[in-house]
PDB file of N, CA and C in Angstrom:
ATOM      1  N   MET A   1       1.016  -0.912  -0.188  1.00  0.00           N
ATOM      2  CA  MET A   1      -0.075  -0.187   0.074  1.00  0.00           C
ATOM      3  C   MET A   1       0.874   1.336   0.143  1.00  0.00           C
ATOM      4  N   ALA A   2       0.466   1.954  -1.050  1.00  0.00           N
ATOM      5  CA  ALA A   2       1.330   3.424  -1.260  1.00  0.00           C
ATOM      6  C   ALA A   2       0.827   4.506   0.080  1.00  0.00           C
ATOM      7  N   PRO A   3       1.903   5.194   0.385  1.00  0.00           N
ATOM      8  CA  PRO A   3       1.582   6.367   0.995  1.00  0.00           C
ATOM      9  C   PRO A   3       0.043   7.182   0.826  1.00  0.00           C
ATOM     10  N   ARG A   4      -0.542   7.774   1.712  1.00  0.00           N
ATOM     11  CA  ARG A   4      -1.705   8.163   1.392  1.00  0.00           C
ATOM     12  C   ARG A   4      -1.554   9.935   0.333  1.00  0.00           C
ATOM     13  N   CYS A   5      -0.265  10.173   0.923  1.00  0.00           N
ATOM     14  CA  CYS A   5      -0.264  11.937   0.632  1.00  0.00           C
ATOM     15  C   CYS A   5       1.599  11.827   0.352  1.00  0.00           C
ATOM     16  N   ARG A   6       1.778  11.923  -1.111  1.00  0.00           N
ATOM     17  CA  ARG A   6       3.273  12.328  -1.558  1.00  0.00           C
ATOM     18  C   ARG A   6       3.760  13.499  -1.784  1.00  0.00           C
ATOM     19  N   LEU A   7       3.133  14.456  -1.242  1.00  0.00           N
ATOM     20  CA  LEU A   7       3.869  15.854  -1.280  1.00  0.00           C
ATOM     21  C   LEU A   7       5.343  16.081  -0.654  1.00  0.00           C
ATOM     22  N   VAL A   8       6.574  16.370  -1.438  1.00  0.00           N
ATOM     23  CA  VAL A   8       7.729  16.380  -0.776  1.00  0.00           C
ATOM     24  C   VAL A   8       8.570  17.094  -1.573  1.00  0.00           C
ATOM     25  N   GLY A   9       8.895  17.779  -0.430  1.00  0.00           N
ATOM     26  CA  GLY A   9       9.926  18.964  -1.371  1.00  0.00           C
ATOM     27  C   GLY A   9       9.444  20.119  -0.463  1.00  0.00           C
ATOM     28  N   VAL A  10      10.041  21.857  -1.208  1.00  0.00           N
ATOM     29  CA  VAL A  10       9.509  23.119  -1.044  1.00  0.00           C
ATOM     30  C   VAL A  10       8.088  22.849  -0.793  1.00  0.00           C
ATOM     31  N   ALA A  11       7.704  22.816  -1.615  1.00  0.00           N
ATOM     32  CA  ALA A  11       5.840  23.155  -1.534  1.00  0.00           C
ATOM     33  C   ALA A  11       5.316  22.771  -0.647  1.00  0.00           C
ATOM     34  N   GLY A  12       5.386  21.255  -0.273  1.00  0.00           N
ATOM     35  CA  GLY A  12       4.745  20.530   1.016  1.00  0.00           C
ATOM     36  C   GLY A  12       5.573  21.359   2.210  1.00  0.00           C
ATOM     37  N   ALA A  13       7.007  21.727   2.315  1.00  0.00           N
ATOM     38  CA  ALA A  13       7.293  22.161   3.718  1.00  0.00           C
ATOM     39  C   ALA A  13       6.674  23.821   3.809  1.00  0.00           C
ATOM     40  N   LEU A  14       6.672  24.658   2.734  1.00  0.00           N
ATOM     41  CA  LEU A  14       5.830  26.168   2.365  1.00  0.00           C
ATOM     42  C   LEU A  14       4.654  25.674   3.024  1.00  0.00           C
ATOM     43  N   LEU A  15       3.998  24.867   2.567  1.00  0.00           N
ATOM     44  CA  LEU A  15       2.508  24.674   2.609  1.00  0.00           C
ATOM     45  C   LEU A  15       2.358  24.082   4.068  1.00  0.00           C
ATOM     46  N   GLY A  16       2.962  23.374   4.855  1.00  0.00           N
ATOM     47  CA  GLY A  16       2.875  22.596   6.190  1.00  0.00           C
ATOM     48  C   GLY A  16       1.739  21.707   6.165  1.00  0.00           C
ATOM     49  N   LEU A  17       2.102  20.731   5.155  1.00  0.00           N
ATOM     50  CA  LEU A  17       1.480  19.620   4.985  1.00  0.00           C
ATOM     51  C   LEU A  17       2.495  17.759   5.553  1.00  0.00           C
ATOM     52  N   GLN A  18       1.654  17.287   5.468  1.00  0.00           N
ATOM     53  CA  GLN A  18       2.119  16.181   6.600  1.00  0.00           C
ATOM     54  C   GLN A  18       1.936  14.936   5.878  1.00  0.00           C
ATOM     55  N   SER A  19       2.537  13.929   5.275  1.00  0.00           N
ATOM     56  CA  SER A  19       2.337  12.086   4.783  1.00  0.00           C
ATOM     57  C   SER A  19       1.979  11.738   5.870  1.00  0.00           C
ATOM     58  N   THR A  20       1.243  10.586   5.445  1.00  0.00           N
ATOM     59  CA  THR A  20       0.834   9.891   6.213  1.00  0.00           C
ATOM     60  C   THR A  20       1.627   8.165   5.062  1.00  0.00           C
ATOM     61  N   THR A  21       2.366   7.355   6.611  1.00  0.00           N
ATOM     62  CA  THR A  21       3.317   6.456   5.949  1.00  0.00           C
ATOM     63  C   THR A  21       1.742   5.169   5.857  1.00  0.00           C
ATOM     64  N   THR A  22       2.311   3.993   5.720  1.00  0.00           N
ATOM     65  CA  THR A  22       1.815   2.877   5.515  1.00  0.00           C
ATOM     66  C   THR A  22       1.116   2.395   6.621  1.00  0.00           C
ATOM     67  N   GLU A  23       1.721   2.566   7.996  1.00  0.00           N
ATOM     68  CA  GLU A  23       1.323   2.145   9.362  1.00  0.00           C
ATOM     69  C   GLU A  23       0.752   3.261  10.216  1.00  0.00           C
ATOM     70  N   GLY A  24       0.048   4.127   8.968  1.00  0.00           N
ATOM     71  CA  GLY A  24      -0.616   5.071   9.314  1.00  0.00           C
ATOM     72  C   GLY A  24       0.062   6.134  10.189  1.00  0.00           C
ATOM     73  N   THR A  25       1.261   6.075  10.693  1.00  0.00           N
ATOM     74  CA  THR A  25       1.658   7.649  11.560  1.00  0.00           C
ATOM     75  C   THR A  25       1.866   8.789  10.549  1.00  0.00           C
ATOM     76  N   SER A  26       1.891   9.600  11.277  1.00  0.00           N
ATOM     77  CA  SER A  26       2.467  11.001  10.607  1.00  0.00           C
ATOM     78  C   SER A  26       3.595  11.538  10.645  1.00  0.00           C
ATOM     79  N   HIS A  27       4.370  12.283   9.699  1.00  0.00           N
ATOM     80  CA  HIS A  27       5.461  12.746   9.973  1.00  0.00           C
ATOM     81  C   HIS A  27       5.223  14.064   9.561  1.00  0.00           C
ATOM     82  N   GLY A  28       5.839  15.404  10.646  1.00  0.00           N
ATOM     83  CA  GLY A  28       5.480  16.413  10.938  1.00  0.00           C
ATOM     84  C   GLY A  28       6.671  17.052  10.224  1.00  0.00           C
ATOM     85  N   LEU A  29       6.857  18.639  10.223  1.00  0.00           N
ATOM     86  CA  LEU A  29       7.659  19.267  10.105  1.00  0.00           C
ATOM     87  C   LEU A  29       8.995  18.920  11.052  1.00  0.00           C
ATOM     88  N   VAL A  30       9.773  19.145  10.388  1.00  0.00           N
ATOM     89  CA  VAL A  30      11.276  19.855  11.879  1.00  0.00           C
ATOM     90  C   VAL A  30      11.916  20.866  11.246  1.00  0.00           C
ATOM     91  N   PHE A  31      11.856  21.871  12.082  1.00  0.00           N
ATOM     92  CA  PHE A  31      12.519  22.826  11.954  1.00  0.00           C
ATOM     93  C   PHE A  31      14.249  22.686  12.898  1.00  0.00           C
ATOM     94  N   ARG A  32      15.130  23.221  12.047  1.00  0.00           N
ATOM     95  CA  ARG A  32      16.582  23.492  11.823  1.00  0.00           C
ATOM     96  C   ARG A  32      17.257  24.246  11.438  1.00  0.00           C
ATOM     97  N   LYS A  33      18.248  24.989  11.728  1.00  0.00           N
ATOM     98  CA  LYS A  33      18.539  26.181  11.178  1.00  0.00           C
ATOM     99  C   LYS A  33      20.298  26.154  12.256  1.00  0.00           C
ATOM    100  N   ARG A  34      21.411  26.208  11.452  1.00  0.00           N
ATOM    101  CA  ARG A  34      22.713  26.199  11.988  1.00  0.00           C
ATOM    102  C   ARG A  34      23.579  27.608  11.198  1.00  0.00           C
ATOM    103  N   ILE A  35      24.216  28.385  12.391  1.00  0.00           N
ATOM    104  CA  ILE A  35      24.543  29.633  11.823  1.00  0.00           C
ATOM    105  C   ILE A  35      25.935  29.535  12.184  1.00  0.00           C
ATOM    106  N   ARG A  36      26.981  29.990  11.209  1.00  0.00           N
ATOM    107  CA  ARG A  36      28.132  29.635  11.631  1.00  0.00           C
ATOM    108  C   ARG A  36      28.673  30.916  12.331  1.00  0.00           C
ATOM    109  N   LEU A  37      29.401  30.754  13.366  1.00  0.00           N
ATOM    110  CA  LEU A  37      29.939  31.711  13.869  1.00  0.00           C
ATOM    111  C   LEU A  37      31.647  31.907  13.804  1.00  0.00           C
ATOM    112  N   GLY A  38      32.528  31.027  12.949  1.00  0.00           N
ATOM    113  CA  GLY A  38      33.195  31.067  12.505  1.00  0.00           C
ATOM    114  C   GLY A  38      33.925  29.953  12.120  1.00  0.00           C
ATOM    115  N   ALA A  39      35.000  29.713  11.429  1.00  0.00           N
ATOM    116  CA  ALA A  39      35.385  28.245  10.900  1.00  0.00           C
ATOM    117  C   ALA A  39      35.287  27.107  11.475  1.00  0.00           C
ATOM    118  N   ASN A  40      35.096  27.013  12.752  1.00  0.00           N
ATOM    119  CA  ASN A  40      35.309  25.800  13.779  1.00  0.00           C
ATOM    120  C   ASN A  40      33.875  25.987  14.741  1.00  0.00           C
ATOM    121  N   GLU A  41      32.996  27.437  14.657  1.00  0.00           N
ATOM    122  CA  GLU A  41      31.815  26.961  15.586  1.00  0.00           C
ATOM    123  C   GLU A  41      30.641  27.110  14.935  1.00  0.00           C
ATOM    124  N   THR A  42      29.274  26.826  15.233  1.00  0.00           N
ATOM    125  CA  THR A  42      28.033  27.323  14.573  1.00  0.00           C
ATOM    126  C   THR A  42      27.052  27.057  16.288  1.00  0.00           C
ATOM    127  N   VAL A  43      26.211  28.141  16.000  1.00  0.00           N
ATOM    128  CA  VAL A  43      25.279  27.816  16.858  1.00  0.00           C
ATOM    129  C   VAL A  43      24.177  27.114  16.256  1.00  0.00           C
ATOM    130  N   ASN A  44      23.443  26.304  16.632  1.00  0.00           N
ATOM    131  CA  ASN A  44      22.393  25.151  15.854  1.00  0.00           C
ATOM    132  C   ASN A  44      20.934  25.480  16.546  1.00  0.00           C
ATOM    133  N   LEU A  45      19.732  26.155  15.937  1.00  0.00           N
ATOM    134  CA  LEU A  45      18.726  26.229  16.468  1.00  0.00           C
ATOM    135  C   LEU A  45      17.401  25.352  16.170  1.00  0.00           C
ATOM    136  N   SER A  46      16.383  24.602  16.694  1.00  0.00           N
ATOM    137  CA  SER A  46      15.402  24.117  16.296  1.00  0.00           C
ATOM    138  C   SER A  46      14.490  24.832  17.292  1.00  0.00           C
ATOM    139  N   LYS A  47      13.645  23.589  17.165  1.00  0.00           N
ATOM    140  CA  LYS A  47      11.900  24.273  17.418  1.00  0.00           C
ATOM    141  C   LYS A  47      12.365  24.248  18.702  1.00  0.00           C
ATOM    142  N   GLY A  48      13.003  23.563  19.456  1.00  0.00           N
ATOM    143  CA  GLY A  48      12.516  23.478  21.237  1.00  0.00           C
ATOM    144  C   GLY A  48      13.722  24.356  21.867  1.00  0.00           C
ATOM    145  N   ALA A  49      15.099  23.692  21.332  1.00  0.00           N
ATOM    146  CA  ALA A  49      16.029  24.600  22.425  1.00  0.00           C
ATOM    147  C   ALA A  49      17.263  25.180  20.726  1.00  0.00           C
ATOM    148  N   ALA A  50      18.503  25.519  21.649  1.00  0.00           N
ATOM    149  CA  ALA A  50      19.570  26.099  20.786  1.00  0.00           C
ATOM    150  C   ALA A  50      20.587  25.055  21.479  1.00  0.00           C
ATOM    151  N   SER A  51      21.758  25.254  20.812  1.00  0.00           N
ATOM    152  CA  SER A  51      22.937  24.564  21.146  1.00  0.00           C
ATOM    153  C   SER A  51      23.769  25.211  20.472  1.00  0.00           C
ATOM    154  N   ALA A  52      25.124  25.574  20.736  1.00  0.00           N
ATOM    155  CA  ALA A  52      26.862  25.852  20.713  1.00  0.00           C
ATOM    156  C   ALA A  52      27.291  24.349  19.997  1.00  0.00           C
ATOM    157  N   ALA A  53      28.410  24.511  19.219  1.00  0.00           N
ATOM    158  CA  ALA A  53      28.884  23.345  18.534  1.00  0.00           C
ATOM    159  C   ALA A  53      30.221  23.817  18.181  1.00  0.00           C
ATOM    160  N   LYS A  54      31.372  23.120  18.856  1.00  0.00           N
ATOM    161  CA  LYS A  54      32.659  23.196  18.405  1.00  0.00           C
ATOM    162  C   LYS A  54      33.700  22.149  17.739  1.00  0.00           C
ATOM    163  N   ARG A  55      34.395  22.404  16.581  1.00  0.00           N
ATOM    164  CA  ARG A  55      34.743  21.625  15.803  1.00  0.00           C
ATOM    165  C   ARG A  55      36.186  21.323  16.152  1.00  0.00           C
ATOM    166  N   VAL A  56      36.848  20.088  16.447  1.00  0.00           N
ATOM    167  CA  VAL A  56      38.694  20.564  16.531  1.00  0.00           C
ATOM    168  C   VAL A  56      38.666  19.218  15.636  1.00  0.00           C
ATOM    169  N   GLY A  57      39.610  19.737  14.612  1.00  0.00           N
ATOM    170  CA  GLY A  57      40.035  18.268  13.547  1.00  0.00           C
ATOM    171  C   GLY A  57      38.395  17.634  13.035  1.00  0.00           C
ATOM    172  N   GLN A  58      38.362  15.888  13.287  1.00  0.00           N
ATOM    173  CA  GLN A  58      37.542  15.387  13.047  1.00  0.00           C
ATOM    174  C   GLN A  58      36.521  15.249  13.813  1.00  0.00           C
ATOM    175  N   VAL A  59      36.637  15.729  14.912  1.00  0.00           N
ATOM    176  CA  VAL A  59      36.016  15.502  16.287  1.00  0.00           C
ATOM    177  C   VAL A  59      35.445  17.058  16.153  1.00  0.00           C
ATOM    178  N   THR A  60      33.302  16.843  16.665  1.00  0.00           N
ATOM    179  CA  THR A  60      32.534  17.982  16.441  1.00  0.00           C
ATOM    180  C   THR A  60      31.961  17.453  18.483  1.00  0.00           C
ATOM    181  N   VAL A  61      31.966  18.362  19.120  1.00  0.00           N
ATOM    182  CA  VAL A  61      31.266  18.449  20.342  1.00  0.00           C
ATOM    183  C   VAL A  61      30.296  19.829  20.390  1.00  0.00           C
ATOM    184  N   ASN A  62      29.066  19.184  20.812  1.00  0.00           N
ATOM    185  CA  ASN A  62      27.832  20.787  21.028  1.00  0.00           C
ATOM    186  C   ASN A  62      27.510  20.390  22.726  1.00  0.00           C
ATOM    187  N   SER A  63      27.425  21.575  22.957  1.00  0.00           N
ATOM    188  CA  SER A  63      26.761  21.815  23.996  1.00  0.00           C
ATOM    189  C   SER A  63      25.871  20.880  25.061  1.00  0.00           C
ATOM    190  N   ARG A  64      25.103  20.292  24.228  1.00  0.00           N
ATOM    191  CA  ARG A  64      24.000  19.175  24.807  1.00  0.00           C
ATOM    192  C   ARG A  64      24.580  17.696  25.157  1.00  0.00           C
ATOM    193  N   GLY A  65      26.024  17.414  24.910  1.00  0.00           N
ATOM    194  CA  GLY A  65      26.461  16.466  25.577  1.00  0.00           C
ATOM    195  C   GLY A  65      26.598  15.487  23.893  1.00  0.00           C
ATOM    196  N   ARG A  66      26.402  15.693  23.287  1.00  0.00           N
ATOM    197  CA  ARG A  66      26.920  14.980  22.116  1.00  0.00           C
ATOM    198  C   ARG A  66      27.808  15.516  21.384  1.00  0.00           C
ATOM    199  N   GLY A  67      28.043  14.240  20.738  1.00  0.00           N
ATOM    200  CA  GLY A  67      29.743  14.450  19.375  1.00  0.00           C
ATOM    201  C   GLY A  67      29.804  13.929  18.544  1.00  0.00           C
ATOM    202  N   SER A  68      30.150  14.185  17.502  1.00  0.00           N
ATOM    203  CA  SER A  68      30.154  12.731  16.313  1.00  0.00           C
ATOM    204  C   SER A  68      31.921  12.865  15.783  1.00  0.00           C
ATOM    205  N   ILE A  69      32.203  12.086  15.632  1.00  0.00           N
ATOM    206  CA  ILE A  69      33.669  11.235  14.511  1.00  0.00           C
ATOM    207  C   ILE A  69      33.430  11.748  13.333  1.00  0.00           C
ATOM    208  N   ARG A  70      34.031  12.666  12.267  1.00  0.00           N
ATOM    209  CA  ARG A  70      34.232  12.090  10.706  1.00  0.00           C
ATOM    210  C   ARG A  70      34.983  11.193  10.767  1.00  0.00           C
ATOM    211  N   ILE A  71      34.496  10.122  10.236  1.00  0.00           N
ATOM    212  CA  ILE A  71      35.626   8.985   9.365  1.00  0.00           C
ATOM    213  C   ILE A  71      36.046   9.906   8.250  1.00  0.00           C
ATOM    214  N   LEU A  72      35.246   9.810   7.169  1.00  0.00           N
ATOM    215  CA  LEU A  72      35.133  10.300   5.920  1.00  0.00           C
ATOM    216  C   LEU A  72      34.445  11.586   5.044  1.00  0.00           C
ATOM    217  N   PRO A  73      34.455  12.159   4.468  1.00  0.00           N
ATOM    218  CA  PRO A  73      33.581  13.369   4.070  1.00  0.00           C
ATOM    219  C   PRO A  73      32.159  12.794   3.849  1.00  0.00           C
ATOM    220  N   GLY A  74      31.168  13.036   4.421  1.00  0.00           N
ATOM    221  CA  GLY A  74      29.963  12.641   4.479  1.00  0.00           C
ATOM    222  C   GLY A  74      29.567  11.243   5.163  1.00  0.00           C
ATOM    223  N   LEU A  75      30.599  10.733   5.854  1.00  0.00           N
ATOM    224  CA  LEU A  75      30.456   9.765   6.960  1.00  0.00           C
ATOM    225  C   LEU A  75      31.186   9.428   8.476  1.00  0.00           C
ATOM    226  N   SER A  76      30.388   9.998   9.279  1.00  0.00           N
ATOM    227  CA  SER A  76      30.261  10.253  10.863  1.00  0.00           C
ATOM    228  C   SER A  76      29.666   9.039  11.883  1.00  0.00           C
ATOM    229  N   VAL A  77      30.499   9.209  12.916  1.00  0.00           N
ATOM    230  CA  VAL A  77      29.489   8.427  13.855  1.00  0.00           C
ATOM    231  C   VAL A  77      29.466   9.471  14.893  1.00  0.00           C
ATOM    232  N   ARG A  78      27.679   8.857  15.256  1.00  0.00           N
ATOM    233  CA  ARG A  78      27.679  10.275  16.747  1.00  0.00           C
ATOM    234  C   ARG A  78      27.752   9.412  17.940  1.00  0.00           C
ATOM    235  N   LEU A  79      28.259  10.399  18.774  1.00  0.00           N
ATOM    236  CA  LEU A  79      28.051   9.793  20.475  1.00  0.00           C
ATOM    237  C   LEU A  79      27.328  10.726  21.180  1.00  0.00           C
ATOM    238  N   GLY A  80      27.306  10.041  22.165  1.00  0.00           N
ATOM    239  CA  GLY A  80      26.948  11.038  23.223  1.00  0.00           C
ATOM    240  C   GLY A  80      25.456  10.491  23.649  1.00  0.00           C
ATOM    241  N   ARG A  81      24.277  11.251  24.436  1.00  0.00           N
ATOM    242  CA  ARG A  81      22.695  10.760  24.690  1.00  0.00           C
ATOM    243  C   ARG A  81      22.414  11.461  23.755  1.00  0.00           C
ATOM    244  N   ARG A  82      20.568  11.269  23.646  1.00  0.00           N
ATOM    245  CA  ARG A  82      19.995  11.491  22.421  1.00  0.00           C
ATOM    246  C   ARG A  82      19.303  12.810  22.709  1.00  0.00           C
ATOM    247  N   TRP A  83      19.265  13.495  23.836  1.00  0.00           N
ATOM    248  CA  TRP A  83      18.427  14.654  24.484  1.00  0.00           C
ATOM    249  C   TRP A  83      18.969  15.795  24.479  1.00  0.00           C
TER     250      TRP A  83
END
């Protein structure tokens, strides 16, 4: 069975539409914005909170206790708690 609503992309995001999967759960919109403060520092904004992140070499650590290690460009491992 195919999803009921298949509007994907900018039009769906601007209209605030949700799609329903075959299991009946709906997918809402997610807001995230990253503001670069320098070469290795960012501020991450989301719907519920903000956090800061600092990158040193291949390791990134943020103010919420999460981090990641970049293995290759486009491939990384996330570490730490989920919330």
